[in-house]
Amino acid sequence: MQKRKKIGIIGATGSIGTQAIELLMQNQDKFLIEFITAHNNEKLLDQIQSDTGAKHSFLTTDPNYENILKSYLETLDIDMVLHAATGINGINSAYMIVDHGIDIALANKESLVTAGDIIINRAKETGSNIVPVDSEHSAIFQSLIGHNTKDIESITLTASGGPFRTRPSDSMDYISIEEALNHPKWFMGNKVSIDSATMMNKGLELIEAKYLFNIDHTKLNVVIHPESIIHSLVNYNDGSTIAQLGYPDMKIPISYALAYPGRVQNAAKCLDLAEVGELTFFKPDFTRFKALQIALDALESNSNKRFIMLNSSNEAAVMAFLKGDIKFMDITKIVELAIEEIDFEDSKTVYDAIDSSKKAYEKAEQIIKKFK
């Protein structure tokens, strides 16, 4: 009988977490859930534990959270942890997982954007596999298997363009919270949905890709692909291009990450290209989506402190927008202003990255007060 893969889930009550739970329950003969966490949704967490039979559960708001997680990583027989929590608070969790040599299915952008070198290098030392959950990075990851990274000519991340790809520019100031959350292709959490609407998510994903695949920023680019069928592609130096295709359904990359290096069945529908009919592609509009240009400028600088300020100021601005404190177009304005006020150095340790992220967030909050 095949050994069941033992899984821990950080962020079990969020969009990625709940879809992962559904997948794991459909494949109970292949997976065993060791622990689950939530940020503050204790009621849903308790329900998930009851439904799945997860051995342990706890809230990440618990003051003793990091010690609890550390003890589980040390004492439980865990094969992989799905890190699906959002925000800068997930940085140390990601480091702790790879520090213990445990494989990580990573959906937390912030950890690699702010501490990419630190986390990647530690994972290499401990033998921890980092398997990306984002659909774009999963596509690249799959397209690289069996190939030498030295043969890469370039990597192209696809972007849907979000809900405002064709919206008149003179109406962008009047975008409501509900409109920004209404993504045309993907069902995601609030933070990621807003990042998709500004296209900051694509900028953050470019920085992630730099670290995940050890690729120079000059070989990374973005194309708008509204149908969201091609999830990213790798161009090789012999003229070949390898891509991963599928309907826009997060169950596919979640399933791949959890089952890696194998695959398991899920509820996703197999692609029928005749049904899709047409695939279209456009160059990004950097005037409309200034956030993407700001992120590209940061990527070109190859500056850890700039990555941190970009990430934290954006997170603070998105939270302010979701509270109704600022307008949609203020998000990128706040990020631009924050980047000009960096007053910390590049991080040498994960604790430096966490400390600088908090400082950057506080700096952004000061700027936000002027916009209220």
Protein backbone atom coordinates (compact mmCIF):
# COMPACT_ATOMS: atom_id res chain seq x y z
CA MET A 1 0.00 0.00 0.00
CA GLN A 2 1.32 3.42 -1.00
CA LYS A 3 2.32 5.68 1.88
CA ARG A 4 0.00 8.66 2.34
CA LYS A 5 1.69 12.03 1.97
CA LYS A 6 1.49 14.02 5.23
CA ILE A 7 0.46 17.64 4.73
CA GLY A 8 0.32 20.79 6.86
CA ILE A 9 -1.66 23.82 5.71
CA ILE A 10 -0.99 27.42 6.72
CA GLY A 11 -4.01 29.48 5.70
CA ALA A 12 -6.60 26.68 5.50
CA THR A 13 -9.63 29.00 5.52
CA GLY A 14 -8.58 31.24 2.61
CA SER A 15 -9.24 30.82 -1.10
CA ILE A 16 -6.20 28.59 -1.78
CA GLY A 17 -6.58 26.73 1.50
CA THR A 18 -10.22 25.77 1.06
CA GLN A 19 -9.61 24.56 -2.50
CA ALA A 20 -6.66 22.52 -1.24
CA ILE A 21 -8.83 20.98 1.48
CA GLU A 22 -11.40 20.00 -1.15
CA LEU A 23 -8.67 18.34 -3.24
CA LEU A 24 -7.16 16.50 -0.26
CA MET A 25 -10.58 15.18 0.77
CA GLN A 26 -11.09 13.84 -2.75
CA ASN A 27 -7.78 11.95 -2.44
CA GLN A 28 -7.85 10.71 1.15
CA ASP A 29 -6.08 7.53 0.10
CA LYS A 30 -3.06 9.61 -0.93
CA PHE A 31 -2.93 12.40 1.69
CA LEU A 32 -3.11 12.82 5.45
CA ILE A 33 -3.60 16.27 7.00
CA GLU A 34 -1.34 16.78 10.02
CA PHE A 35 -2.17 20.39 10.93
CA ILE A 36 -4.15 23.38 9.70
CA THR A 37 -4.05 27.08 10.59
CA ALA A 38 -6.18 30.16 10.04
CA HIS A 39 -5.55 33.82 10.72
CA ASN A 40 -8.66 34.50 12.80
CA ASN A 41 -11.55 32.48 11.32
CA GLU A 42 -11.71 30.04 14.23
CA LYS A 43 -15.23 28.84 13.45
CA LEU A 44 -14.37 27.73 9.90
CA LEU A 45 -11.06 26.27 11.11
CA ASP A 46 -12.89 24.11 13.64
CA GLN A 47 -15.31 22.98 10.94
CA ILE A 48 -12.46 22.05 8.59
CA GLN A 49 -10.72 20.10 11.36
CA SER A 50 -13.93 18.22 12.08
CA ASP A 51 -14.51 17.45 8.38
CA THR A 52 -10.94 16.39 7.58
CA GLY A 53 -9.79 14.81 10.81
CA ALA A 54 -6.71 17.06 10.85
CA LYS A 55 -4.71 16.21 13.98
CA HIS A 56 -3.89 19.79 15.01
CA SER A 57 -5.20 23.32 14.41
CA PHE A 58 -4.26 26.77 15.66
CA LEU A 59 -4.65 30.46 14.85
CA THR A 60 -1.72 32.48 13.50
CA THR A 61 -2.93 35.36 15.70
CA ASP A 62 -1.89 33.29 18.73
CA PRO A 63 1.05 35.17 20.38
CA ASN A 64 2.80 31.81 20.63
CA TYR A 65 2.15 30.93 16.96
CA GLU A 66 5.78 30.67 15.81
CA ASN A 67 6.73 28.40 18.70
CA ILE A 68 3.73 26.17 18.01
CA LEU A 69 4.63 25.94 14.32
CA LYS A 70 8.28 25.24 15.15
CA SER A 71 7.30 22.41 17.47
CA TYR A 72 5.05 20.84 14.83
CA LEU A 73 7.77 21.06 12.18
CA GLU A 74 10.20 19.38 14.57
CA THR A 75 7.97 16.68 16.05
CA LEU A 76 5.41 15.76 13.38
CA ASP A 77 6.29 13.56 10.41
CA ILE A 78 5.43 16.13 7.72
CA ASP A 79 6.25 15.70 4.03
CA MET A 80 5.02 19.06 2.77
CA VAL A 81 3.48 22.30 4.03
CA LEU A 82 1.11 24.33 1.87
CA HIS A 83 1.85 27.96 2.74
CA ALA A 84 -1.29 29.77 1.60
CA ALA A 85 -1.33 32.70 4.03
CA THR A 86 -1.02 36.19 2.55
CA GLY A 87 0.96 39.16 3.80
CA ILE A 88 4.33 39.92 5.32
CA ASN A 89 3.45 37.90 8.42
CA GLY A 90 4.04 34.78 6.34
CA ILE A 91 7.74 35.48 5.71
CA ASN A 92 9.13 33.75 8.79
CA SER A 93 6.75 30.79 8.40
CA ALA A 94 8.15 30.14 4.93
CA TYR A 95 11.72 30.32 6.23
CA MET A 96 10.94 27.99 9.15
CA ILE A 97 9.55 25.35 6.79
CA VAL A 98 12.58 25.27 4.50
CA ASP A 99 14.91 25.60 7.50
CA HIS A 100 13.56 22.24 8.71
CA GLY A 101 14.17 20.65 5.30
CA ILE A 102 10.45 20.18 4.64
CA ASP A 103 9.04 20.64 1.13
CA ILE A 104 6.88 23.73 0.72
CA ALA A 105 4.00 24.37 -1.69
CA LEU A 106 4.37 28.13 -1.77
CA ALA A 107 1.51 30.54 -2.41
CA ASN A 108 2.84 33.34 -0.19
CA LYS A 109 4.33 35.93 -2.58
CA GLU A 110 5.70 38.13 0.15
CA SER A 111 8.24 35.60 1.43
CA LEU A 112 10.21 35.40 -1.82
CA VAL A 113 9.75 39.05 -2.82
CA THR A 114 11.22 40.22 0.49
CA ALA A 115 13.64 37.42 1.39
CA GLY A 116 14.13 35.47 -1.84
CA ASP A 117 17.88 34.89 -1.67
CA ILE A 118 17.73 33.99 2.02
CA ILE A 119 14.91 31.45 1.65
CA ILE A 120 16.15 29.93 -1.63
CA ASN A 121 19.70 29.49 -0.30
CA ARG A 122 18.47 27.91 2.93
CA ALA A 123 16.24 25.52 0.98
CA LYS A 124 19.26 24.40 -1.07
CA GLU A 125 21.20 23.76 2.14
CA THR A 126 18.46 21.69 3.79
CA GLY A 127 17.15 19.92 0.67
CA SER A 128 13.71 21.50 0.88
CA ASN A 129 11.85 21.59 -2.44
CA ILE A 130 9.99 24.85 -3.14
CA VAL A 131 7.06 24.06 -5.43
CA PRO A 132 5.14 27.18 -6.55
CA VAL A 133 1.35 27.33 -6.31
CA ASP A 134 0.75 30.48 -8.37
CA SER A 135 -0.58 29.38 -11.75
CA GLU A 136 2.12 31.31 -13.62
CA HIS A 137 5.04 29.94 -11.61
CA SER A 138 3.56 26.45 -11.65
CA ALA A 139 3.43 26.68 -15.45
CA ILE A 140 7.08 27.75 -15.62
CA PHE A 141 8.10 25.07 -13.10
CA GLN A 142 6.42 22.38 -15.20
CA SER A 143 7.86 23.74 -18.45
CA LEU A 144 11.40 23.55 -17.05
CA ILE A 145 11.31 19.89 -16.00
CA GLY A 146 13.83 17.88 -17.99
CA HIS A 147 15.59 20.97 -19.33
CA ASN A 148 18.75 22.84 -18.49
CA THR A 149 18.17 26.38 -17.22
CA LYS A 150 21.31 27.44 -19.12
CA ASP A 151 19.34 26.87 -22.33
CA ILE A 152 16.62 29.40 -21.42
CA GLU A 153 16.33 32.31 -23.82
CA SER A 154 13.51 34.00 -21.90
CA ILE A 155 10.49 33.38 -19.69
CA THR A 156 7.12 34.97 -20.38
CA LEU A 157 4.51 35.33 -17.63
CA THR A 158 0.97 35.71 -18.90
CA ALA A 159 -1.53 38.12 -17.34
CA SER A 160 -5.28 38.30 -17.85
CA GLY A 161 -5.24 42.09 -17.68
CA GLY A 162 -7.69 42.00 -14.78
CA PRO A 163 -11.13 43.64 -14.73
CA PHE A 164 -9.95 47.02 -16.09
CA ARG A 165 -7.97 46.09 -19.19
CA THR A 166 -10.40 47.96 -21.46
CA ARG A 167 -11.91 50.43 -18.99
CA PRO A 168 -11.72 54.09 -20.15
CA SER A 169 -8.72 55.76 -18.50
CA ASP A 170 -10.73 58.81 -17.43
CA SER A 171 -12.96 56.65 -15.23
CA MET A 172 -10.21 54.79 -13.34
CA ASP A 173 -10.43 57.19 -10.39
CA TYR A 174 -14.01 56.10 -9.75
CA ILE A 175 -13.45 52.37 -9.42
CA SER A 176 -15.36 50.86 -6.49
CA ILE A 177 -14.13 48.12 -4.16
CA GLU A 178 -16.73 45.73 -5.58
CA GLU A 179 -15.59 46.37 -9.15
CA ALA A 180 -11.93 45.84 -8.27
CA LEU A 181 -12.72 42.53 -6.55
CA ASN A 182 -14.69 41.23 -9.53
CA HIS A 183 -11.98 39.46 -11.52
CA PRO A 184 -13.21 38.19 -14.91
CA LYS A 185 -11.33 34.87 -14.83
CA TRP A 186 -10.07 33.90 -11.38
CA PHE A 187 -11.64 33.48 -7.95
CA MET A 188 -9.08 34.76 -5.45
CA GLY A 189 -8.80 36.37 -2.03
CA ASN A 190 -9.34 40.11 -1.64
CA LYS A 191 -5.67 41.15 -1.52
CA VAL A 192 -4.68 39.16 -4.61
CA SER A 193 -7.79 40.35 -6.47
CA ILE A 194 -6.88 44.00 -5.93
CA ASP A 195 -3.26 43.30 -6.92
CA SER A 196 -4.58 41.73 -10.11
CA ALA A 197 -6.73 44.78 -10.80
CA THR A 198 -3.71 47.12 -10.50
CA MET A 199 -1.44 44.49 -12.10
CA MET A 200 0.93 44.78 -9.16
CA ASN A 201 0.53 41.03 -8.76
CA LYS A 202 2.32 40.52 -12.07
CA GLY A 203 5.16 42.75 -10.93
CA LEU A 204 5.51 40.77 -7.71
CA GLU A 205 5.38 37.53 -9.70
CA LEU A 206 8.28 38.71 -11.87
CA ILE A 207 10.38 39.24 -8.74
CA GLU A 208 9.33 35.80 -7.47
CA ALA A 209 10.29 34.24 -10.80
CA LYS A 210 13.76 35.80 -10.59
CA TYR A 211 14.37 33.92 -7.33
CA LEU A 212 12.46 30.72 -8.01
CA PHE A 213 14.15 30.02 -11.32
CA ASN A 214 17.47 31.84 -10.78
CA ILE A 215 16.89 33.88 -13.92
CA ASP A 216 18.25 37.31 -14.83
CA HIS A 217 15.59 40.05 -14.92
CA THR A 218 16.45 40.82 -18.56
CA LYS A 219 15.06 37.40 -19.52
CA LEU A 220 11.67 37.98 -17.85
CA ASN A 221 8.70 39.58 -19.58
CA VAL A 222 4.90 39.80 -19.48
CA VAL A 223 2.19 39.42 -22.11
CA ILE A 224 -1.54 40.13 -21.66
CA HIS A 225 -3.58 37.03 -22.43
CA PRO A 226 -7.27 37.68 -21.54
CA GLU A 227 -8.42 34.07 -21.95
CA SER A 228 -5.99 32.84 -19.25
CA ILE A 229 -5.46 29.50 -20.99
CA ILE A 230 -1.69 29.66 -21.40
CA HIS A 231 -0.41 30.19 -17.88
CA SER A 232 3.19 31.06 -18.78
CA LEU A 233 5.84 29.82 -21.15
CA VAL A 234 9.57 29.22 -21.45
CA ASN A 235 11.49 30.11 -24.62
CA TYR A 236 14.63 28.05 -25.25
CA ASN A 237 17.71 29.01 -27.25
CA ASP A 238 16.91 26.55 -30.06
CA GLY A 239 13.67 28.37 -30.89
CA SER A 240 11.44 25.98 -28.95
CA THR A 241 8.75 27.31 -26.63
CA ILE A 242 7.21 25.12 -23.94
CA ALA A 243 4.08 26.21 -22.11
CA GLN A 244 1.51 24.81 -19.69
CA LEU A 245 -2.15 25.23 -20.69
CA GLY A 246 -5.43 24.72 -18.87
CA TYR A 247 -8.68 26.40 -17.97
CA PRO A 248 -8.31 29.16 -15.34
CA ASP A 249 -8.83 26.97 -12.30
CA MET A 250 -6.55 27.16 -9.24
CA LYS A 251 -7.27 23.52 -8.44
CA ILE A 252 -4.78 22.59 -11.18
CA PRO A 253 -1.63 24.27 -9.77
CA ILE A 254 -2.69 23.47 -6.19
CA SER A 255 -3.09 19.82 -7.14
CA TYR A 256 0.27 19.73 -8.90
CA ALA A 257 2.11 21.34 -5.98
CA LEU A 258 0.64 19.03 -3.34
CA ALA A 259 1.18 15.86 -5.38
CA TYR A 260 4.67 16.79 -6.66
CA PRO A 261 6.54 14.99 -8.13
CA GLY A 262 3.44 13.02 -9.13
CA ARG A 263 -0.09 14.04 -10.08
CA VAL A 264 -3.54 13.27 -8.67
CA GLN A 265 -7.03 13.62 -10.03
CA ASN A 266 -9.02 16.72 -9.16
CA ALA A 267 -12.31 18.29 -10.17
CA ALA A 268 -10.75 20.49 -12.86
CA LYS A 269 -11.98 20.12 -16.41
CA CYS A 270 -9.50 19.08 -19.10
CA LEU A 271 -8.81 21.66 -21.80
CA ASP A 272 -10.73 21.57 -25.08
CA LEU A 273 -9.05 24.00 -27.46
CA ALA A 274 -11.87 23.77 -29.97
CA GLU A 275 -14.24 24.92 -27.25
CA VAL A 276 -11.92 27.84 -26.39
CA GLY A 277 -11.74 28.76 -30.06
CA GLU A 278 -9.37 31.71 -29.91
CA LEU A 279 -6.38 32.84 -27.90
CA THR A 280 -5.32 36.50 -27.95
CA PHE A 281 -2.25 38.37 -26.73
CA PHE A 282 -1.38 42.03 -26.15
CA LYS A 283 1.54 44.04 -24.86
CA PRO A 284 0.96 45.52 -21.38
CA ASP A 285 -0.24 49.12 -21.12
CA PHE A 286 2.26 50.61 -18.68
CA THR A 287 0.45 53.95 -18.62
CA ARG A 288 -2.84 52.40 -17.53
CA PHE A 289 -1.16 49.95 -15.17
CA LYS A 290 1.65 51.98 -13.67
CA ALA A 291 2.10 49.45 -10.86
CA LEU A 292 3.63 47.02 -13.35
CA GLN A 293 6.15 49.63 -14.49
CA ILE A 294 7.05 50.48 -10.87
CA ALA A 295 7.67 46.77 -10.20
CA LEU A 296 9.77 46.41 -13.37
CA ASP A 297 11.90 49.38 -12.30
CA ALA A 298 12.41 47.73 -8.92
CA LEU A 299 13.32 44.44 -10.61
CA GLU A 300 15.90 46.20 -12.78
CA SER A 301 17.48 47.75 -9.68
CA ASN A 302 17.92 44.24 -8.19
CA SER A 303 17.60 45.88 -4.77
CA ASN A 304 16.24 43.83 -1.87
CA LYS A 305 15.29 46.97 0.09
CA ARG A 306 13.35 48.24 -2.92
CA PHE A 307 11.54 44.92 -3.27
CA ILE A 308 10.60 45.13 0.41
CA MET A 309 9.29 48.69 0.15
CA LEU A 310 7.38 47.84 -3.02
CA ASN A 311 5.72 44.86 -1.38
CA SER A 312 4.94 46.37 2.03
CA SER A 313 3.73 49.75 0.78
CA ASN A 314 1.49 48.02 -1.74
CA GLU A 315 0.08 45.76 0.98
CA ALA A 316 -0.65 48.77 3.21
CA ALA A 317 -2.24 50.70 0.33
CA VAL A 318 -4.42 47.76 -0.73
CA MET A 319 -5.67 47.35 2.84
CA ALA A 320 -6.48 51.08 2.94
CA PHE A 321 -8.40 50.81 -0.33
CA LEU A 322 -10.38 47.81 0.93
CA LYS A 323 -11.33 49.87 4.00
CA GLY A 324 -12.53 52.69 1.75
CA ASP A 325 -9.84 55.12 2.98
CA ILE A 326 -8.26 55.82 -0.42
CA LYS A 327 -9.18 55.66 -4.11
CA PHE A 328 -8.12 52.84 -6.41
CA MET A 329 -5.59 54.95 -8.31
CA ASP A 330 -4.05 56.11 -5.02
CA ILE A 331 -2.59 52.63 -4.49
CA THR A 332 0.22 53.06 -7.00
CA LYS A 333 0.75 56.72 -6.05
CA ILE A 334 1.39 55.65 -2.45
CA VAL A 335 3.81 52.92 -3.56
CA GLU A 336 5.74 55.42 -5.69
CA LEU A 337 6.06 57.87 -2.81
CA ALA A 338 7.06 55.14 -0.36
CA ILE A 339 9.88 53.88 -2.60
CA GLU A 340 11.39 57.36 -2.52
CA GLU A 341 11.60 57.18 1.30
CA ILE A 342 13.50 53.93 1.87
CA ASP A 343 15.54 54.29 5.05
CA PHE A 344 16.83 50.73 5.64
CA GLU A 345 19.46 48.47 4.12
CA ASP A 346 19.27 45.22 2.15
CA SER A 347 18.47 42.22 4.35
CA LYS A 348 21.12 39.75 5.42
CA THR A 349 18.81 37.51 7.49
CA VAL A 350 15.12 36.65 7.44
CA TYR A 351 14.72 38.72 10.61
CA ASP A 352 16.17 41.74 8.79
CA ALA A 353 13.60 41.20 6.03
CA ILE A 354 10.74 40.99 8.54
CA ASP A 355 11.92 44.06 10.45
CA SER A 356 12.39 46.09 7.25
CA SER A 357 8.98 44.95 5.97
CA LYS A 358 7.34 46.27 9.13
CA LYS A 359 9.22 49.58 8.86
CA ALA A 360 8.18 49.87 5.23
CA TYR A 361 4.54 49.16 6.10
CA GLU A 362 4.60 51.85 8.80
CA LYS A 363 6.18 54.34 6.38
CA ALA A 364 3.40 53.62 3.88
CA GLU A 365 0.74 54.10 6.57
CA GLN A 366 2.14 57.56 7.26
CA ILE A 367 1.84 58.41 3.55
CA ILE A 368 -1.68 56.97 3.41
CA LYS A 369 -2.85 59.41 6.12
CA LYS A 370 -2.20 62.27 3.65
CA PHE A 371 -4.51 60.62 1.11
CA LYS A 372 -7.41 60.02 3.49
